[in-house]
Protein backbone atom coordinates (compact mmCIF):
# COMPACT_ATOMS: atom_id res chain seq x y z
CA MET A 1 -68.71 126.21 47.62
CA LYS A 2 -71.49 123.91 46.41
CA LYS A 3 -71.60 120.12 46.37
CA GLU A 4 -74.20 117.43 45.90
CA PHE A 5 -74.53 114.49 48.29
CA THR A 6 -76.51 111.30 47.88
CA ALA A 7 -77.62 108.88 50.61
CA LYS A 8 -80.52 106.66 51.61
CA THR A 9 -82.23 109.54 53.43
CA VAL A 10 -82.09 113.32 53.38
CA GLU A 11 -80.74 113.31 56.95
CA GLU A 12 -77.89 111.00 55.98
CA ALA A 13 -77.05 113.15 52.96
CA LYS A 14 -76.89 116.24 55.18
CA ALA A 15 -74.62 114.41 57.62
CA LEU A 16 -72.28 113.51 54.76
CA ALA A 17 -72.11 117.16 53.74
CA ALA A 18 -71.29 118.31 57.27
CA GLU A 19 -68.53 115.71 57.51
CA ASP A 20 -67.10 116.67 54.14
CA PHE A 21 -67.05 120.42 54.92
CA GLY A 22 -65.89 119.83 58.47
CA VAL A 23 -68.53 122.10 60.03
CA GLU A 24 -71.89 121.82 61.78
CA GLN A 25 -74.98 121.35 59.63
CA GLU A 26 -76.32 124.70 60.91
CA LYS A 27 -73.61 126.51 58.93
CA ILE A 28 -74.61 124.82 55.66
CA THR A 29 -77.44 125.81 53.33
CA PHE A 30 -79.24 122.72 51.98
CA THR A 31 -81.48 122.31 48.96
CA VAL A 32 -83.26 118.96 48.60
CA ILE A 33 -83.01 117.90 44.97
CA GLU A 34 -84.56 114.47 45.24
CA GLU A 35 -86.17 112.39 47.95
CA PRO A 36 -86.66 108.60 48.10
CA LYS A 37 -90.10 107.40 46.99
CA LYS A 38 -91.99 105.49 49.61
CA GLY A 39 -93.85 102.47 48.32
CA LEU A 40 -96.31 100.20 50.07
CA PHE A 41 -93.65 97.86 51.41
CA LEU A 42 -90.31 99.55 50.69
CA THR A 43 -88.62 102.80 49.78
CA LYS A 44 -87.28 103.26 46.27
CA GLY A 45 -84.47 105.50 45.13
CA GLU A 46 -82.10 107.70 47.12
CA ALA A 47 -82.05 111.19 48.57
CA LYS A 48 -79.97 113.88 46.89
CA VAL A 49 -79.21 117.28 48.41
CA GLU A 50 -77.23 120.29 47.30
CA ALA A 51 -75.07 121.70 50.10
CA GLU A 52 -73.65 125.23 49.99
CA TYR A 53 -71.09 126.43 52.48
CA GLU A 54 -69.15 129.71 52.46
CA GLU A 55 -65.99 129.48 54.54
CA THR A 56 -65.25 132.54 56.67
CA LYS A 57 -61.88 134.29 56.60
CA GLU A 58 -60.91 133.09 60.07
CA GLU A 59 -61.94 129.52 59.25
CA ALA A 60 -59.84 129.56 56.08
CA ALA A 61 -56.82 130.84 58.01
CA ALA A 62 -57.22 128.28 60.79
CA ALA A 63 -57.69 125.41 58.33
CA TYR A 64 -54.56 126.44 56.44
CA ILE A 65 -52.44 126.55 59.60
CA ILE A 66 -53.65 123.12 60.70
CA THR A 67 -52.85 121.70 57.26
CA VAL A 68 -49.32 123.14 57.38
CA LEU A 69 -48.68 121.90 60.92
CA ASN A 70 -50.00 118.45 60.08
CA LYS A 71 -47.52 118.24 57.21
CA MET A 72 -44.79 119.37 59.59
CA GLY A 73 -45.57 116.38 61.78
CA PHE A 74 -47.87 118.00 64.35
CA ALA A 75 -50.77 115.56 64.13
CA ASP A 76 -52.44 117.01 67.24
CA ALA A 77 -52.39 120.63 66.02
CA LYS A 78 -55.35 122.75 67.10
CA VAL A 79 -56.32 126.36 66.44
CA GLU A 80 -58.73 128.33 68.62
CA THR A 81 -60.17 131.45 67.02
CA GLN A 82 -61.07 134.67 68.80
CA LEU A 83 -62.69 137.42 66.74
CA VAL A 84 -61.41 140.94 67.38
CA GLU A 85 -61.97 144.28 65.68
CA ASN A 86 -61.12 143.96 61.96
CA GLY A 87 -59.68 140.48 62.37
CA ALA A 88 -59.06 137.42 64.48
CA VAL A 89 -56.43 136.01 66.85
CA LEU A 90 -55.54 132.38 66.18
CA GLU A 91 -54.20 130.54 69.23
CA ILE A 92 -52.10 127.60 68.06
CA SER A 93 -51.41 124.55 70.19
CA ALA A 94 -49.52 121.36 69.38
CA GLU A 95 -47.13 119.07 71.23
CA GLY A 96 -43.62 120.50 70.84
CA PHE A 97 -44.72 123.48 68.74
CA GLU A 98 -43.80 126.15 71.29
CA GLU A 99 -40.17 124.99 71.39
CA LEU A 100 -39.81 125.86 67.68
CA LEU A 101 -41.01 129.46 67.91
CA GLY A 102 -37.56 130.98 68.30
CA LYS A 103 -36.57 133.97 70.41
CA LYS A 104 -38.43 136.42 68.17
CA GLY A 105 -41.28 134.11 67.13
CA GLU A 106 -40.16 133.73 63.53
CA LEU A 107 -42.34 130.64 63.00
CA LEU A 108 -45.43 132.45 64.30
CA ASP A 109 -44.69 135.39 61.99
CA SER A 110 -44.35 133.11 58.96
CA LEU A 111 -47.61 131.28 59.67
CA GLN A 112 -49.34 134.60 60.30
CA TYR A 113 -48.18 136.02 56.97
CA LEU A 114 -49.21 132.97 54.94
CA ALA A 115 -52.54 132.53 56.77
CA SER A 116 -53.32 136.20 56.08
CA LEU A 117 -52.78 135.66 52.37
CA VAL A 118 -55.14 132.68 52.39
CA SER A 119 -57.75 134.52 54.46
CA ASN A 120 -57.81 137.63 52.32
CA LYS A 121 -58.21 135.72 49.06
CA ILE A 122 -61.87 135.14 49.98
CA ASN A 123 -62.91 138.75 49.29
CA ARG A 124 -61.38 142.21 49.10
CA ASP A 125 -62.30 143.27 52.64
CA TYR A 126 -59.04 143.29 54.61
CA PHE A 127 -59.06 140.96 57.61
CA ARG A 128 -56.14 141.05 60.07
CA ILE A 129 -54.86 137.65 61.18
CA THR A 130 -52.71 137.40 64.31
CA THR A 131 -51.15 134.11 65.40
CA ASP A 132 -50.18 133.35 68.99
CA CYS A 133 -49.07 130.44 71.15
CA ASN A 134 -49.42 130.30 74.93
CA GLY A 135 -49.11 134.07 75.42
CA PHE A 136 -45.93 134.47 73.35
CA ARG A 137 -47.01 137.78 71.81
CA ALA A 138 -47.65 139.38 75.21
CA ARG A 139 -44.27 138.25 76.55
CA ARG A 140 -42.48 139.51 73.45
CA LYS A 141 -44.28 142.86 73.74
CA GLU A 142 -43.03 143.25 77.33
CA GLN A 143 -39.46 142.44 76.23
CA LEU A 144 -39.56 145.04 73.44
CA GLU A 145 -41.03 147.71 75.70
CA GLU A 146 -38.29 147.08 78.27
CA LEU A 147 -35.69 147.26 75.49
CA ALA A 148 -37.12 150.60 74.32
CA ARG A 149 -36.93 152.00 77.86
CA LYS A 150 -33.32 150.87 78.38
CA ILE A 151 -32.10 152.21 75.02
CA SER A 152 -33.96 155.49 75.57
CA ALA A 153 -32.34 155.92 79.00
CA THR A 154 -28.89 155.42 77.46
CA VAL A 155 -29.63 157.86 74.63
CA LYS A 156 -30.81 160.53 77.09
CA LYS A 157 -27.70 160.05 79.22
CA THR A 158 -25.12 160.09 76.43
CA GLY A 159 -26.92 162.08 73.73
CA ARG A 160 -25.87 159.46 71.23
CA THR A 161 -28.25 158.09 68.62
CA SER A 162 -28.82 154.34 68.89
CA ALA A 163 -29.98 151.87 66.23
CA LEU A 164 -31.82 148.68 67.09
CA GLU A 165 -31.51 145.49 65.09
CA PRO A 166 -33.93 145.04 62.17
CA MET A 167 -37.48 144.16 63.19
CA ASN A 168 -40.76 143.41 61.49
CA PRO A 169 -43.49 146.12 61.33
CA TYR A 170 -45.37 144.70 64.34
CA GLU A 171 -42.31 144.91 66.60
CA ARG A 172 -41.31 148.34 65.29
CA ARG A 173 -44.74 149.68 66.21
CA ILE A 174 -44.28 148.42 69.77
CA ILE A 175 -40.90 150.20 70.03
CA HIS A 176 -42.29 153.47 68.61
CA ALA A 177 -45.26 153.37 70.99
CA ALA A 178 -43.00 152.81 74.00
CA VAL A 179 -40.56 155.58 72.99
CA SER A 180 -43.41 158.05 72.42
CA GLU A 181 -44.21 157.89 76.13
CA ILE A 182 -40.67 158.85 77.17
CA GLU A 183 -39.66 162.53 77.32
CA GLY A 184 -36.42 163.62 75.75
CA VAL A 185 -36.22 160.98 73.02
CA THR A 186 -37.78 160.29 69.67
CA SER A 187 -37.79 157.36 67.24
CA ARG A 188 -38.03 156.74 63.53
CA SER A 189 -37.69 153.81 61.15
CA THR A 190 -35.10 153.66 58.41
CA GLY A 191 -34.01 151.21 55.72
CA GLU A 192 -35.85 148.68 53.60
CA ASP A 193 -37.33 145.39 54.79
CA PRO A 194 -36.04 142.98 55.94
CA TYR A 195 -33.29 145.32 57.23
CA ARG A 196 -35.64 148.13 58.32
CA LYS A 197 -34.85 149.18 61.88
CA VAL A 198 -35.75 151.72 64.54
CA ILE A 199 -33.46 154.65 65.34
CA ILE A 200 -33.79 156.25 68.79
CA SER A 201 -32.29 159.71 69.28
CA SER A 202 -32.31 162.49 71.83
CA THR A 203 -34.45 165.61 71.44
CA GLU A 204 -32.34 167.57 73.93
CA LYS A 205 -29.57 169.83 72.61
CA ARG A 206 -26.09 169.16 73.95
CA HIS A 207 -23.15 171.59 73.89
CA ASN A 208 -19.97 170.28 72.26
CA ASP A 209 -16.77 170.39 74.27
CA ARG A 210 -14.55 172.71 72.18
CA ARG A 211 -11.41 172.44 74.26
CA GLY A 212 -8.16 171.26 72.64
CA GLY A 213 -8.24 173.39 69.50
CA GLY A 214 -11.99 173.55 69.00
CA TYR A 215 -14.27 171.56 66.74
CA GLY A 216 -12.82 171.15 63.29
CA LYS A 217 -9.59 173.00 64.13
CA GLY A 218 -6.16 171.45 64.67
CA ARG A 219 -5.40 167.90 65.66
CA GLY A 220 -7.88 167.75 68.51
CA GLY A 221 -10.64 169.00 66.25
CA ARG A 222 -9.92 166.37 63.63
CA ARG A 223 -9.94 163.61 66.28
CA ASN A 224 -13.25 164.90 67.59
CA ASP A 225 -14.58 165.00 64.05
CA ARG A 226 -13.58 161.37 63.44
CA ARG A 227 -15.15 160.31 66.74
CA GLN A 228 -18.35 162.11 65.88
CA ARG A 229 -18.58 160.46 62.47
CA ALA A 230 -17.92 157.05 64.01
CA HIS A 231 -20.51 157.85 66.63
CA PHE A 232 -23.21 158.04 63.94
CA ASP A 233 -22.26 154.78 62.23
CA ILE A 234 -25.54 152.97 62.91
CA THR A 235 -24.97 149.96 60.70
CA THR A 236 -25.51 146.85 62.83
CA SER A 237 -23.58 143.60 62.61
CA PHE A 238 -26.84 141.96 61.54
CA GLU A 239 -27.14 144.21 58.48
CA LYS A 240 -23.45 143.93 57.59
CA ASP A 241 -23.71 140.17 57.62
CA TYR A 242 -26.89 140.04 55.57
CA LYS A 243 -25.61 142.52 53.01
CA LYS A 244 -22.67 140.31 52.07
CA PRO A 245 -23.03 139.12 48.43
CA LYS A 246 -24.96 135.88 48.17
CA PRO A 247 -25.74 133.64 45.18
CA GLU A 248 -29.39 134.55 45.33
CA ASP A 249 -28.60 138.28 44.94
CA ASN A 250 -28.67 137.85 41.15
CA MET A 251 -32.20 136.47 41.25
CA THR A 252 -33.73 139.88 40.64
CA SER A 253 -37.07 138.51 39.54
CA ALA A 254 -37.73 136.70 42.82
CA GLY A 255 -39.16 138.53 45.81
CA LEU A 256 -38.99 137.63 49.47
CA TYR A 257 -42.19 135.61 49.19
CA SER A 258 -42.32 135.19 45.43
CA LYS A 259 -43.27 131.52 45.34
CA ILE A 260 -46.05 130.52 47.69
CA GLU A 261 -48.24 127.52 47.08
CA PHE A 262 -51.46 127.01 48.96
């Protein structure tokens, strides 16, 4: 980004550029185009400088989030940036913001997705953006790991496959990582987003009880067969509700995030 600034002195022109870009002068490259001419008693003309500033990916993401939050009514919104490997963590703070995060942090996820799009428009090198607020991500990670342990314990005890409610990729990775450390169970993802979910199942073989006519034979066998089929019905109430026909189902040309304005 290049702009020209004019002022009485070169120093004042540089200060105007720093204020306009919202960064320190040290981050801006200046080229002096014209300087005031000093006469015997007075100075004639004005100073003109060309200022060039290339916004970094993390700065673009942080600026976008602040703009969005300001429009949402959070006038005191702040974003602290911490660079990590292949990306940055953006810590968001604003009066009343934490109360809007939701149990699963849906607002953080939305801001993270949109800020990532803005950040990665700068060049083709992928840069991972993670948004957080007052340690929410760490607390959510602990909750998911505990959930994975509880479900795995139940699966090992009963031998029955269990399906979790749909989660985003970040949360599914946490579940898979936790399950991978537990013997006797395994996990996989199934379905399409936003209904994609984790399935946890036992890796231990269990012997069927063939009393009462045997499996698949006679009345008892048919009842056992029905129970076994019902046992593998892993459709959650969440998915059933969201798969009900809705008016927007006919809008085949629109994706989940098809219209995003920056």
